[in-house]
Amino acid sequence: MILSLGDDSYITWSELESRTGAVVKREAGDAPVTDFSLLVLSNVSYASLPEGVRDGLRDYLEQGGAMLITGGKQSYGSGGYGGTELADLLPLRPSRDDWLPHPFGPTLILQPGHPILKGIEIPAMAFFNEVELNIGGVEIARYSRARRLPHPLIAERSANAGTILAVALDLTLTGEWKDRGRFAQNCVAYLLQQSRIVPPQKRSNLHRGVVSTCCVT
């Protein structure tokens, strides 16, 4: 299962569910966060996260969970992430109100062979959170413009046994980016592969000693 919180309108979930067999939930309900193979936070403030998600993030990653974080006015420092446990875990570290205006500038790709960039061209960008690369974060792409400091746009970090992919862009504001949908699906598919969370049904079968011939993500 995938738990998606916030404005995820940049992802066509029906296509992804068909391709992967994943089930997307918009609310955790009574399920612990460790029931979800992937957690997606799309421009969502820290205060609005369910308590079980906020309090369970470190344990979730210790068990091999995967997370996708995207930017916007309600994300990173502007979303209250600064000084929280989430800020310590992210590959892109927020410390202040960081949703700032920028002129359009080219995107410099630092890891062209990364799976999330397969078949992707990233144009000049302007809408992003001005965050810093955290200790342990591996930069994948950055905003680069003459006479301006470069800023990381996409970075990845292994946190305990888990994986966090952070995108400083508000993907809902990149509608003219023709590869946006493919990029989003690449990110989700990659993180599902990285996740070590055993789905609840399969976990139950394992506890009963049942060997299943199908795999549900």
Protein backbone atom coordinates (compact mmCIF):
# COMPACT_ATOMS: atom_id res chain seq x y z
CA MET A 1 0.00 0.00 0.00
CA ILE A 2 0.96 3.63 -0.56
CA LEU A 3 -0.10 6.42 1.81
CA SER A 4 -0.32 9.72 -0.10
CA LEU A 5 -0.89 12.93 1.86
CA GLY A 6 -1.27 16.43 0.40
CA ASP A 7 -1.81 17.65 -3.16
CA ASP A 8 -0.73 14.71 -5.31
CA SER A 9 -2.55 15.86 -8.47
CA TYR A 10 0.73 15.59 -10.41
CA ILE A 11 0.52 11.76 -10.27
CA THR A 12 -1.91 9.67 -12.32
CA TRP A 13 -2.47 7.03 -9.67
CA SER A 14 -4.73 4.83 -11.80
CA GLU A 15 -1.88 4.15 -14.24
CA LEU A 16 0.56 3.45 -11.46
CA GLU A 17 -1.82 1.16 -9.59
CA SER A 18 -2.36 -0.79 -12.81
CA ARG A 19 1.39 -1.14 -13.45
CA THR A 20 2.51 -2.00 -9.92
CA GLY A 21 -0.50 -3.58 -8.20
CA ALA A 22 -0.14 -1.00 -5.43
CA VAL A 23 -3.16 0.33 -3.55
CA VAL A 24 -3.15 4.07 -2.81
CA LYS A 25 -4.71 5.39 0.40
CA ARG A 26 -5.33 9.06 1.26
CA GLU A 27 -5.82 8.40 4.97
CA ALA A 28 -3.97 6.06 7.29
CA GLY A 29 -7.06 5.31 9.36
CA ASP A 30 -6.19 2.87 12.14
CA ALA A 31 -3.33 1.34 10.14
CA PRO A 32 0.20 1.94 11.44
CA VAL A 33 2.53 3.73 9.04
CA THR A 34 4.56 0.50 8.84
CA ASP A 35 1.68 -1.04 6.84
CA PHE A 36 2.60 1.19 3.90
CA SER A 37 5.43 0.39 1.49
CA LEU A 38 5.67 4.05 0.50
CA LEU A 39 4.78 7.33 2.17
CA VAL A 40 4.22 10.36 -0.11
CA LEU A 41 4.12 13.88 1.34
CA SER A 42 3.11 16.39 -1.33
CA ASN A 43 3.29 20.04 -0.19
CA VAL A 44 1.80 19.18 3.19
CA SER A 45 2.63 20.97 6.46
CA TYR A 46 4.19 19.16 9.38
CA ALA A 47 1.38 20.18 11.74
CA SER A 48 -1.24 18.61 9.47
CA LEU A 49 0.45 15.20 9.38
CA PRO A 50 -1.40 12.50 11.33
CA GLU A 51 0.16 11.96 14.74
CA GLY A 52 0.89 8.33 13.93
CA VAL A 53 2.89 9.41 10.88
CA ARG A 54 4.86 12.12 12.69
CA ASP A 55 5.70 9.89 15.65
CA GLY A 56 6.41 6.79 13.58
CA LEU A 57 8.80 8.14 10.92
CA ARG A 58 12.06 6.97 12.46
CA ASP A 59 10.73 3.49 13.21
CA TYR A 60 9.24 3.35 9.71
CA LEU A 61 12.62 4.04 8.14
CA GLU A 62 14.38 1.64 10.49
CA GLN A 63 12.10 -1.06 9.12
CA GLY A 64 13.04 -0.15 5.54
CA GLY A 65 10.23 2.18 4.53
CA ALA A 66 10.46 4.61 1.61
CA MET A 67 9.35 8.25 1.41
CA LEU A 68 8.80 10.83 -1.34
CA ILE A 69 8.68 14.50 -0.30
CA THR A 70 7.78 17.32 -2.71
CA GLY A 71 8.00 21.08 -2.22
CA GLY A 72 5.68 24.06 -2.06
CA LYS A 73 4.31 26.74 0.27
CA GLN A 74 3.32 24.10 2.84
CA SER A 75 6.48 22.03 2.64
CA TYR A 76 10.01 22.05 4.07
CA GLY A 77 10.77 25.17 6.14
CA SER A 78 7.62 26.96 4.96
CA GLY A 79 5.61 23.96 6.14
CA GLY A 80 7.13 23.91 9.61
CA TYR A 81 9.58 21.05 9.05
CA GLY A 82 12.53 22.98 10.54
CA GLY A 83 13.66 21.70 13.94
CA THR A 84 11.58 18.51 13.69
CA GLU A 85 12.62 14.88 13.45
CA LEU A 86 11.54 14.91 9.80
CA ALA A 87 14.04 17.71 9.07
CA ASP A 88 16.82 15.59 10.54
CA LEU A 89 15.88 12.64 8.31
CA LEU A 90 15.46 14.48 5.00
CA PRO A 91 18.23 14.69 2.37
CA LEU A 92 17.23 18.35 1.89
CA ARG A 93 17.35 20.14 5.23
CA PRO A 94 14.97 23.05 5.92
CA SER A 95 15.78 25.66 8.52
CA ARG A 96 13.53 28.67 7.79
CA ASP A 97 10.70 29.97 5.60
CA ASP A 98 12.19 28.79 2.32
CA TRP A 99 9.48 29.13 -0.36
CA LEU A 100 11.06 32.06 -2.20
CA PRO A 101 10.69 33.54 -5.70
CA HIS A 102 13.45 32.71 -8.19
CA PRO A 103 14.01 33.59 -11.84
CA PHE A 104 13.83 30.64 -14.20
CA GLY A 105 17.17 28.88 -14.30
CA PRO A 106 18.55 25.71 -15.91
CA THR A 107 18.48 22.41 -14.06
CA LEU A 108 21.88 20.77 -13.76
CA ILE A 109 21.65 16.97 -13.69
CA LEU A 110 24.31 15.44 -11.44
CA GLN A 111 23.25 11.79 -11.77
CA PRO A 112 21.92 11.30 -15.32
CA GLY A 113 21.85 7.52 -14.88
CA HIS A 114 19.56 7.56 -11.85
CA PRO A 115 16.38 5.46 -12.39
CA ILE A 116 14.06 8.38 -11.60
CA LEU A 117 15.50 10.29 -14.58
CA LYS A 118 15.04 7.53 -17.15
CA GLY A 119 13.52 9.09 -20.27
CA ILE A 120 13.28 12.46 -18.52
CA GLU A 121 14.31 15.98 -19.54
CA ILE A 122 14.04 18.64 -16.83
CA PRO A 123 13.58 22.20 -18.14
CA ALA A 124 14.46 25.51 -16.44
CA MET A 125 12.73 25.80 -13.05
CA ALA A 126 11.70 28.67 -10.79
CA PHE A 127 9.22 27.32 -8.23
CA PHE A 128 11.13 25.55 -5.47
CA ASN A 129 12.07 25.62 -1.78
CA GLU A 130 15.50 27.07 -1.04
CA VAL A 131 16.86 24.26 1.15
CA GLU A 132 20.31 22.90 1.92
CA LEU A 133 21.80 19.47 1.29
CA ASN A 134 21.69 17.55 4.56
CA ILE A 135 24.50 15.37 5.89
CA GLY A 136 24.23 12.04 4.10
CA GLY A 137 22.13 13.50 1.29
CA VAL A 138 23.15 12.66 -2.28
CA GLU A 139 22.30 15.38 -4.78
CA ILE A 140 20.66 14.28 -8.02
CA ALA A 141 19.80 17.64 -9.64
CA ARG A 142 20.25 21.32 -8.79
CA TYR A 143 19.10 24.76 -9.84
CA SER A 144 22.01 26.54 -11.51
CA ARG A 145 21.96 30.11 -12.77
CA ALA A 146 24.81 32.53 -13.48
CA ARG A 147 25.57 34.96 -10.64
CA ARG A 148 23.28 33.05 -8.27
CA LEU A 149 24.10 30.38 -5.74
CA PRO A 150 23.14 26.87 -6.90
CA HIS A 151 20.39 25.16 -4.90
CA PRO A 152 19.65 21.43 -4.66
CA LEU A 153 16.37 20.44 -6.31
CA ILE A 154 16.39 16.65 -5.99
CA ALA A 155 18.31 14.56 -3.48
CA GLU A 156 18.22 11.10 -1.95
CA ARG A 157 19.25 9.79 1.44
CA SER A 158 19.46 6.38 3.04
CA ALA A 159 18.10 6.77 6.57
CA ASN A 160 18.68 3.64 8.65
CA ALA A 161 17.36 0.88 6.35
CA GLY A 162 14.94 3.19 4.56
CA THR A 163 15.12 5.53 1.58
CA ILE A 164 13.97 9.15 1.30
CA LEU A 165 13.70 10.97 -2.02
CA ALA A 166 13.24 14.73 -1.65
CA VAL A 167 12.14 17.05 -4.47
CA ALA A 168 12.26 20.78 -3.66
CA LEU A 169 9.91 21.59 -6.56
CA ASP A 170 6.19 22.13 -6.21
CA LEU A 171 5.28 19.62 -8.89
CA THR A 172 1.74 20.99 -9.19
CA LEU A 173 3.25 24.23 -10.61
CA THR A 174 5.22 22.49 -13.37
CA GLY A 175 2.31 21.81 -15.71
CA GLU A 176 4.29 22.85 -18.82
CA TRP A 177 6.96 20.24 -18.01
CA LYS A 178 6.07 17.56 -20.53
CA ASP A 179 7.85 14.79 -18.60
CA ARG A 180 6.34 15.65 -15.22
CA GLY A 181 3.98 12.68 -15.13
CA ARG A 182 6.68 10.23 -16.16
CA PHE A 183 9.07 11.68 -13.59
CA ALA A 184 6.50 11.26 -10.81
CA GLN A 185 5.81 7.67 -11.81
CA ASN A 186 9.54 6.95 -12.03
CA CYS A 187 9.98 8.26 -8.49
CA VAL A 188 7.16 6.14 -7.08
CA ALA A 189 8.22 2.99 -8.95
CA TYR A 190 11.83 3.43 -7.80
CA LEU A 191 10.84 3.89 -4.17
CA LEU A 192 8.52 0.89 -4.23
CA GLN A 193 11.49 -1.18 -5.37
CA GLN A 194 13.67 0.29 -2.60
CA SER A 195 11.10 -0.28 0.15
CA ARG A 196 11.68 -3.24 2.44
CA ILE A 197 8.28 -3.03 4.10
CA VAL A 198 6.44 -6.34 3.87
CA PRO A 199 2.78 -5.75 2.90
CA PRO A 200 0.29 -6.69 5.66
CA GLN A 201 -1.30 -9.58 3.73
CA LYS A 202 2.05 -11.12 2.84
CA ARG A 203 3.28 -10.54 6.40
CA SER A 204 0.25 -12.41 7.73
CA ASN A 205 0.88 -15.30 5.35
CA LEU A 206 4.50 -15.50 6.45
CA HIS A 207 3.46 -15.62 10.09
CA ARG A 208 1.11 -18.50 9.29
CA GLY A 209 3.82 -20.26 7.30
CA VAL A 210 1.95 -19.79 4.02
CA VAL A 211 4.04 -19.33 0.87
CA SER A 212 2.29 -17.03 -1.59
CA THR A 213 2.89 -17.19 -5.34
CA CYS A 214 1.88 -13.57 -5.90
CA CYS A 215 3.46 -10.36 -4.75
CA VAL A 216 1.38 -7.36 -3.74
CA THR A 217 3.26 -4.11 -3.16
